[in-house]
């Protein structure tokens, strides 16, 4: 069962009284109303240092995304556990958050990666399960991305082999780009690496995996 820090209700507004014309508008944690500005993740984390309940808004904003990533990496049995561990660790480390980073997602993914790393055997099992899914189970789908989805299903055994053949660091980077949808700069923040290092490494990973996948870009098939 997920354990997380207490939170104030989603509708709470930090400044509820109307601001004079020459003063900044009120700020809302979750959704803007008239004359309100939605606070950034960094601002909310800053407020949580003296009002811990505020951190619940970070959970509401990003828990679904972190859960989906953990589920893709480890399967549903451990995904909830990783989610809880990630946000509890984030809550405990919030005083060290870099306030210049408006978006907390890369920071949260960095913590989630470390939690996922504690379950390497489970991840290996998940990759083996991915390889066992037969291509013929793909159902017809005429959406805008149907061709990409079908190709991804058909290449699943190859994708599993590619992932298994990468080093842990290269696999983390590829999955942050492909599954989490982070940019190179965001991935660099999550991994604690310089942006130039990440771009160089990603170029090498793509070149290597394209060949294994018959020329298909791996970051578009996961």
C-alpha atoms as a PDB file:
ATOM      1  CA  UNK A   1       0.000   0.000   0.000  1.00  0.00           C
ATOM      2  CA  UNK A   2       1.323   3.413  -0.965  1.00  0.00           C
ATOM      3  CA  UNK A   3       2.542   5.616   1.858  1.00  0.00           C
ATOM      4  CA  UNK A   4       3.158   9.279   1.174  1.00  0.00           C
ATOM      5  CA  UNK A   5       3.465  12.515   3.048  1.00  0.00           C
ATOM      6  CA  UNK A   6       0.208  14.265   3.987  1.00  0.00           C
ATOM      7  CA  UNK A   7      -1.064  16.846   1.582  1.00  0.00           C
ATOM      8  CA  UNK A   8      -3.344  19.828   1.640  1.00  0.00           C
ATOM      9  CA  UNK A   9      -6.440  19.645  -0.573  1.00  0.00           C
ATOM     10  CA  UNK A  10      -5.859  20.257  -4.261  1.00  0.00           C
ATOM     11  CA  UNK A  11      -7.971  23.415  -4.268  1.00  0.00           C
ATOM     12  CA  UNK A  12      -5.889  25.241  -1.662  1.00  0.00           C
ATOM     13  CA  UNK A  13      -4.507  28.576  -2.892  1.00  0.00           C
ATOM     14  CA  UNK A  14      -1.445  30.047  -1.276  1.00  0.00           C
ATOM     15  CA  UNK A  15      -2.615  33.625  -1.545  1.00  0.00           C
ATOM     16  CA  UNK A  16      -6.371  33.914  -1.419  1.00  0.00           C
ATOM     17  CA  UNK A  17      -6.890  37.646  -1.115  1.00  0.00           C
ATOM     18  CA  UNK A  18      -7.112  39.680  -4.325  1.00  0.00           C
ATOM     19  CA  UNK A  19      -3.867  41.421  -5.260  1.00  0.00           C
ATOM     20  CA  UNK A  20      -3.806  45.135  -6.025  1.00  0.00           C
ATOM     21  CA  UNK A  21      -3.052  46.026  -9.623  1.00  0.00           C
ATOM     22  CA  UNK A  22       0.576  46.800  -8.819  1.00  0.00           C
ATOM     23  CA  UNK A  23       1.213  43.508  -6.992  1.00  0.00           C
ATOM     24  CA  UNK A  24       1.729  39.963  -8.354  1.00  0.00           C
ATOM     25  CA  UNK A  25      -1.352  37.831  -8.844  1.00  0.00           C
ATOM     26  CA  UNK A  26      -2.229  35.095  -6.366  1.00  0.00           C
ATOM     27  CA  UNK A  27      -0.612  31.709  -6.914  1.00  0.00           C
ATOM     28  CA  UNK A  28      -2.340  28.346  -7.091  1.00  0.00           C
ATOM     29  CA  UNK A  29      -0.642  25.028  -6.503  1.00  0.00           C
ATOM     30  CA  UNK A  30      -2.689  23.000  -8.961  1.00  0.00           C
ATOM     31  CA  UNK A  31      -4.886  24.937 -11.353  1.00  0.00           C
ATOM     32  CA  UNK A  32      -5.191  28.614 -12.178  1.00  0.00           C
ATOM     33  CA  UNK A  33      -8.292  30.618 -11.477  1.00  0.00           C
ATOM     34  CA  UNK A  34      -8.917  34.233 -12.318  1.00  0.00           C
ATOM     35  CA  UNK A  35      -5.760  36.218 -11.711  1.00  0.00           C
ATOM     36  CA  UNK A  36      -3.856  33.205 -10.413  1.00  0.00           C
ATOM     37  CA  UNK A  37      -0.549  31.664 -11.438  1.00  0.00           C
ATOM     38  CA  UNK A  38       0.212  27.949 -11.086  1.00  0.00           C
ATOM     39  CA  UNK A  39       3.299  27.410  -8.955  1.00  0.00           C
ATOM     40  CA  UNK A  40       6.246  25.529 -10.412  1.00  0.00           C
ATOM     41  CA  UNK A  41       7.424  22.297  -8.855  1.00  0.00           C
ATOM     42  CA  UNK A  42      10.438  24.133  -7.468  1.00  0.00           C
ATOM     43  CA  UNK A  43       8.226  26.702  -5.756  1.00  0.00           C
ATOM     44  CA  UNK A  44       6.018  24.025  -4.245  1.00  0.00           C
ATOM     45  CA  UNK A  45       9.014  22.078  -2.956  1.00  0.00           C
ATOM     46  CA  UNK A  46      10.328  25.307  -1.464  1.00  0.00           C
ATOM     47  CA  UNK A  47       7.011  25.926   0.313  1.00  0.00           C
ATOM     48  CA  UNK A  48       7.020  22.330   1.577  1.00  0.00           C
ATOM     49  CA  UNK A  49      10.103  23.032   3.681  1.00  0.00           C
ATOM     50  CA  UNK A  50       7.924  24.959   6.157  1.00  0.00           C
ATOM     51  CA  UNK A  51       4.580  23.417   5.167  1.00  0.00           C
ATOM     52  CA  UNK A  52       5.190  19.690   4.469  1.00  0.00           C
ATOM     53  CA  UNK A  53       1.619  19.116   3.294  1.00  0.00           C
ATOM     54  CA  UNK A  54       2.428  21.073   0.141  1.00  0.00           C
ATOM     55  CA  UNK A  55       4.582  18.208  -1.114  1.00  0.00           C
ATOM     56  CA  UNK A  56       1.435  16.215  -1.803  1.00  0.00           C
ATOM     57  CA  UNK A  57       0.914  18.390  -4.889  1.00  0.00           C
ATOM     58  CA  UNK A  58       4.176  17.057  -6.336  1.00  0.00           C
ATOM     59  CA  UNK A  59       2.818  13.551  -5.812  1.00  0.00           C
ATOM     60  CA  UNK A  60      -0.443  14.435  -7.551  1.00  0.00           C
ATOM     61  CA  UNK A  61       1.349  15.977 -10.504  1.00  0.00           C
ATOM     62  CA  UNK A  62       3.884  13.245 -11.202  1.00  0.00           C
ATOM     63  CA  UNK A  63       2.971   9.988  -9.470  1.00  0.00           C
ATOM     64  CA  UNK A  64       1.064   8.612 -12.464  1.00  0.00           C
ATOM     65  CA  UNK A  65       4.021   9.096 -14.768  1.00  0.00           C
ATOM     66  CA  UNK A  66       6.515   7.560 -12.334  1.00  0.00           C
ATOM     67  CA  UNK A  67       4.166   4.620 -11.743  1.00  0.00           C
ATOM     68  CA  UNK A  68       3.843   3.916 -15.477  1.00  0.00           C
ATOM     69  CA  UNK A  69       7.621   3.984 -15.873  1.00  0.00           C
ATOM     70  CA  UNK A  70       8.152   1.629 -12.934  1.00  0.00           C
ATOM     71  CA  UNK A  71       5.461  -0.677 -14.282  1.00  0.00           C
ATOM     72  CA  UNK A  72       7.154  -0.802 -17.683  1.00  0.00           C
ATOM     73  CA  UNK A  73      10.483  -1.609 -16.055  1.00  0.00           C
ATOM     74  CA  UNK A  74       9.420  -4.079 -13.366  1.00  0.00           C
ATOM     75  CA  UNK A  75       5.792  -5.033 -13.886  1.00  0.00           C
ATOM     76  CA  UNK A  76       2.776  -4.188 -11.710  1.00  0.00           C
ATOM     77  CA  UNK A  77       3.806  -6.219  -8.659  1.00  0.00           C
ATOM     78  CA  UNK A  78       6.719  -3.924  -7.792  1.00  0.00           C
ATOM     79  CA  UNK A  79       5.623  -0.682  -9.467  1.00  0.00           C
ATOM     80  CA  UNK A  80       3.589   0.540  -6.481  1.00  0.00           C
ATOM     81  CA  UNK A  81       6.466  -0.250  -4.139  1.00  0.00           C
ATOM     82  CA  UNK A  82       8.903   1.736  -6.282  1.00  0.00           C
ATOM     83  CA  UNK A  83       6.427   4.614  -6.454  1.00  0.00           C
ATOM     84  CA  UNK A  84       6.126   4.781  -2.675  1.00  0.00           C
ATOM     85  CA  UNK A  85       9.885   4.487  -2.183  1.00  0.00           C
ATOM     86  CA  UNK A  86      10.531   7.207  -4.751  1.00  0.00           C
ATOM     87  CA  UNK A  87       8.243   9.814  -3.213  1.00  0.00           C
ATOM     88  CA  UNK A  88       9.207   9.037   0.339  1.00  0.00           C
ATOM     89  CA  UNK A  89      12.868   9.458  -0.617  1.00  0.00           C
ATOM     90  CA  UNK A  90      12.053  12.659  -2.518  1.00  0.00           C
ATOM     91  CA  UNK A  91      10.191  14.041   0.481  1.00  0.00           C
ATOM     92  CA  UNK A  92      13.156  13.326   2.701  1.00  0.00           C
ATOM     93  CA  UNK A  93      15.587  15.002   0.296  1.00  0.00           C
ATOM     94  CA  UNK A  94      13.470  18.008  -0.627  1.00  0.00           C
ATOM     95  CA  UNK A  95      15.720  20.414   1.291  1.00  0.00           C
ATOM     96  CA  UNK A  96      18.483  19.609  -1.212  1.00  0.00           C
ATOM     97  CA  UNK A  97      16.361  20.197  -4.312  1.00  0.00           C
ATOM     98  CA  UNK A  98      17.901  22.591  -6.849  1.00  0.00           C
ATOM     99  CA  UNK A  99      15.425  25.475  -6.898  1.00  0.00           C
ATOM    100  CA  UNK A 100      16.627  26.573 -10.320  1.00  0.00           C
ATOM    101  CA  UNK A 101      14.955  23.469 -11.805  1.00  0.00           C
ATOM    102  CA  UNK A 102      11.327  24.427 -12.283  1.00  0.00           C
ATOM    103  CA  UNK A 103      10.263  20.891 -13.302  1.00  0.00           C
ATOM    104  CA  UNK A 104      10.862  18.145 -10.717  1.00  0.00           C
ATOM    105  CA  UNK A 105      10.379  15.237 -13.127  1.00  0.00           C
ATOM    106  CA  UNK A 106      14.080  14.624 -13.900  1.00  0.00           C
ATOM    107  CA  UNK A 107      14.840  14.685 -10.172  1.00  0.00           C
ATOM    108  CA  UNK A 108      12.050  12.200  -9.459  1.00  0.00           C
ATOM    109  CA  UNK A 109      13.124   9.913 -12.288  1.00  0.00           C
ATOM    110  CA  UNK A 110      16.665   9.954 -10.933  1.00  0.00           C
ATOM    111  CA  UNK A 111      15.366   8.758  -7.566  1.00  0.00           C
ATOM    112  CA  UNK A 112      13.088   6.182  -9.212  1.00  0.00           C
ATOM    113  CA  UNK A 113      16.022   4.772 -11.195  1.00  0.00           C
ATOM    114  CA  UNK A 114      17.924   4.151  -7.983  1.00  0.00           C
ATOM    115  CA  UNK A 115      14.908   2.404  -6.464  1.00  0.00           C
ATOM    116  CA  UNK A 116      14.402   0.304  -9.604  1.00  0.00           C
ATOM    117  CA  UNK A 117      18.074  -0.669  -9.472  1.00  0.00           C
ATOM    118  CA  UNK A 118      17.347  -2.535  -6.230  1.00  0.00           C
ATOM    119  CA  UNK A 119      15.088  -4.901  -8.185  1.00  0.00           C
ATOM    120  CA  UNK A 120      17.404  -5.979 -11.010  1.00  0.00           C
ATOM    121  CA  UNK A 121      16.282  -9.597 -10.963  1.00  0.00           C
ATOM    122  CA  UNK A 122      12.690  -8.503 -11.418  1.00  0.00           C
ATOM    123  CA  UNK A 123      13.683  -6.290 -14.336  1.00  0.00           C
ATOM    124  CA  UNK A 124      15.480  -9.178 -16.001  1.00  0.00           C
ATOM    125  CA  UNK A 125      12.315 -11.243 -15.654  1.00  0.00           C
ATOM    126  CA  UNK A 126      10.279  -8.390 -17.167  1.00  0.00           C
ATOM    127  CA  UNK A 127      12.589  -8.209 -20.194  1.00  0.00           C
ATOM    128  CA  UNK A 128      12.341 -11.948 -20.683  1.00  0.00           C
ATOM    129  CA  UNK A 129       8.559 -11.679 -20.558  1.00  0.00           C
ATOM    130  CA  UNK A 130       8.742  -8.917 -23.188  1.00  0.00           C
ATOM    131  CA  UNK A 131      10.714 -11.232 -25.462  1.00  0.00           C
ATOM    132  CA  UNK A 132       8.112 -13.990 -25.109  1.00  0.00           C
ATOM    133  CA  UNK A 133       5.190 -11.879 -26.365  1.00  0.00           C
ATOM    134  CA  UNK A 134       4.518 -13.126 -29.908  1.00  0.00           C
ATOM    135  CA  UNK A 135       4.114 -10.646 -32.745  1.00  0.00           C
ATOM    136  CA  UNK A 136       0.914 -12.299 -33.957  1.00  0.00           C
ATOM    137  CA  UNK A 137      -0.980 -11.067 -30.885  1.00  0.00           C
ATOM    138  CA  UNK A 138      -1.002  -7.528 -32.338  1.00  0.00           C
ATOM    139  CA  UNK A 139      -4.577  -6.391 -32.948  1.00  0.00           C
ATOM    140  CA  UNK A 140      -5.661  -4.137 -35.769  1.00  0.00           C
ATOM    141  CA  UNK A 141      -5.450  -0.445 -34.879  1.00  0.00           C
ATOM    142  CA  UNK A 142      -6.090   2.357 -37.322  1.00  0.00           C
ATOM    143  CA  UNK A 143      -5.028   5.260 -35.116  1.00  0.00           C
ATOM    144  CA  UNK A 144      -2.451   7.828 -36.165  1.00  0.00           C
ATOM    145  CA  UNK A 145       0.384   5.828 -34.607  1.00  0.00           C
ATOM    146  CA  UNK A 146      -0.888   2.362 -35.547  1.00  0.00           C
ATOM    147  CA  UNK A 147       2.029   1.549 -37.856  1.00  0.00           C
ATOM    148  CA  UNK A 148       4.539   2.443 -35.180  1.00  0.00           C
ATOM    149  CA  UNK A 149       2.703   0.373 -32.581  1.00  0.00           C
ATOM    150  CA  UNK A 150       2.524  -2.685 -34.838  1.00  0.00           C
ATOM    151  CA  UNK A 151       6.207  -2.407 -35.689  1.00  0.00           C
ATOM    152  CA  UNK A 152       7.062  -2.107 -32.011  1.00  0.00           C
ATOM    153  CA  UNK A 153       5.059  -5.240 -31.208  1.00  0.00           C
ATOM    154  CA  UNK A 154       6.713  -7.175 -34.007  1.00  0.00           C
ATOM    155  CA  UNK A 155      10.194  -6.157 -32.845  1.00  0.00           C
ATOM    156  CA  UNK A 156       9.616  -6.897 -29.164  1.00  0.00           C
ATOM    157  CA  UNK A 157      11.963  -9.927 -29.018  1.00  0.00           C
ATOM    158  CA  UNK A 158      14.692  -7.858 -30.693  1.00  0.00           C
ATOM    159  CA  UNK A 159      14.065  -4.951 -28.314  1.00  0.00           C
ATOM    160  CA  UNK A 160      14.455  -7.256 -25.336  1.00  0.00           C
ATOM    161  CA  UNK A 161      17.745  -8.567 -26.750  1.00  0.00           C
ATOM    162  CA  UNK A 162      18.972  -5.023 -27.388  1.00  0.00           C
ATOM    163  CA  UNK A 163      18.150  -3.908 -23.852  1.00  0.00           C
ATOM    164  CA  UNK A 164      19.869  -6.951 -22.370  1.00  0.00           C
ATOM    165  CA  UNK A 165      22.965  -6.254 -24.462  1.00  0.00           C
ATOM    166  CA  UNK A 166      23.366  -2.678 -23.209  1.00  0.00           C
ATOM    167  CA  UNK A 167      25.300  -1.668 -20.133  1.00  0.00           C
ATOM    168  CA  UNK A 168      23.173  -0.600 -17.173  1.00  0.00           C
ATOM    169  CA  UNK A 169      24.015   3.080 -17.741  1.00  0.00           C
ATOM    170  CA  UNK A 170      23.213   2.934 -21.450  1.00  0.00           C
ATOM    171  CA  UNK A 171      19.959   1.114 -20.757  1.00  0.00           C
ATOM    172  CA  UNK A 172      18.905   3.734 -18.212  1.00  0.00           C
ATOM    173  CA  UNK A 173      19.528   6.524 -20.701  1.00  0.00           C
ATOM    174  CA  UNK A 174      17.700   4.811 -23.560  1.00  0.00           C
ATOM    175  CA  UNK A 175      14.657   4.077 -21.384  1.00  0.00           C
ATOM    176  CA  UNK A 176      14.487   7.613 -20.008  1.00  0.00           C
ATOM    177  CA  UNK A 177      14.329   8.891 -23.591  1.00  0.00           C
ATOM    178  CA  UNK A 178      12.091   6.168 -24.995  1.00  0.00           C
ATOM    179  CA  UNK A 179       9.742   5.294 -22.131  1.00  0.00           C
ATOM    180  CA  UNK A 180       9.783   8.351 -19.888  1.00  0.00           C
ATOM    181  CA  UNK A 181       9.881  10.815 -22.791  1.00  0.00           C
ATOM    182  CA  UNK A 182      12.583  12.978 -21.217  1.00  0.00           C
ATOM    183  CA  UNK A 183      14.767  15.217 -23.347  1.00  0.00           C
ATOM    184  CA  UNK A 184      18.547  14.829 -23.450  1.00  0.00           C
ATOM    185  CA  UNK A 185      18.957  17.658 -20.962  1.00  0.00           C
ATOM    186  CA  UNK A 186      16.304  16.243 -18.621  1.00  0.00           C
ATOM    187  CA  UNK A 187      17.882  12.797 -18.854  1.00  0.00           C
ATOM    188  CA  UNK A 188      21.241  14.333 -18.009  1.00  0.00           C
ATOM    189  CA  UNK A 189      19.699  15.873 -14.876  1.00  0.00           C
ATOM    190  CA  UNK A 190      18.127  12.541 -13.882  1.00  0.00           C
ATOM    191  CA  UNK A 191      21.397  10.666 -14.328  1.00  0.00           C
ATOM    192  CA  UNK A 192      23.609  13.384 -12.862  1.00  0.00           C
ATOM    193  CA  UNK A 193      25.674  13.666 -16.042  1.00  0.00           C
ATOM    194  CA  UNK A 194      26.756  16.584 -18.255  1.00  0.00           C
ATOM    195  CA  UNK A 195      24.459  17.203 -21.205  1.00  0.00           C
ATOM    196  CA  UNK A 196      27.313  16.739 -23.677  1.00  0.00           C
ATOM    197  CA  UNK A 197      28.063  13.302 -22.231  1.00  0.00           C
ATOM    198  CA  UNK A 198      24.437  12.230 -22.560  1.00  0.00           C
ATOM    199  CA  UNK A 199      24.152  13.453 -26.159  1.00  0.00           C
ATOM    200  CA  UNK A 200      27.333  11.637 -27.143  1.00  0.00           C
ATOM    201  CA  UNK A 201      26.261   8.447 -25.399  1.00  0.00           C
ATOM    202  CA  UNK A 202      22.759   8.557 -26.906  1.00  0.00           C
ATOM    203  CA  UNK A 203      24.210   8.960 -30.397  1.00  0.00           C
ATOM    204  CA  UNK A 204      26.338   5.864 -29.850  1.00  0.00           C
ATOM    205  CA  UNK A 205      23.428   3.861 -28.398  1.00  0.00           C
ATOM    206  CA  UNK A 206      21.148   4.766 -31.293  1.00  0.00           C
ATOM    207  CA  UNK A 207      23.764   3.810 -33.870  1.00  0.00           C
ATOM    208  CA  UNK A 208      24.329   0.476 -32.151  1.00  0.00           C
ATOM    209  CA  UNK A 209      20.679  -0.408 -31.670  1.00  0.00           C
ATOM    210  CA  UNK A 210      19.521   0.781 -35.100  1.00  0.00           C
ATOM    211  CA  UNK A 211      21.738  -1.864 -36.623  1.00  0.00           C
ATOM    212  CA  UNK A 212      20.297  -4.562 -34.356  1.00  0.00           C
ATOM    213  CA  UNK A 213      16.740  -3.443 -35.215  1.00  0.00           C
ATOM    214  CA  UNK A 214      17.283  -3.268 -38.957  1.00  0.00           C
ATOM    215  CA  UNK A 215      17.583   0.509 -39.148  1.00  0.00           C
ATOM    216  CA  UNK A 216      14.626   1.341 -36.869  1.00  0.00           C
ATOM    217  CA  UNK A 217      15.102   4.129 -34.301  1.00  0.00           C
ATOM    218  CA  UNK A 218      14.826   2.408 -30.887  1.00  0.00           C
ATOM    219  CA  UNK A 219      13.563   5.542 -29.125  1.00  0.00           C
ATOM    220  CA  UNK A 220      10.350   5.433 -31.167  1.00  0.00           C
ATOM    221  CA  UNK A 221       9.454   1.805 -30.514  1.00  0.00           C
ATOM    222  CA  UNK A 222       9.282   1.402 -26.753  1.00  0.00           C
END
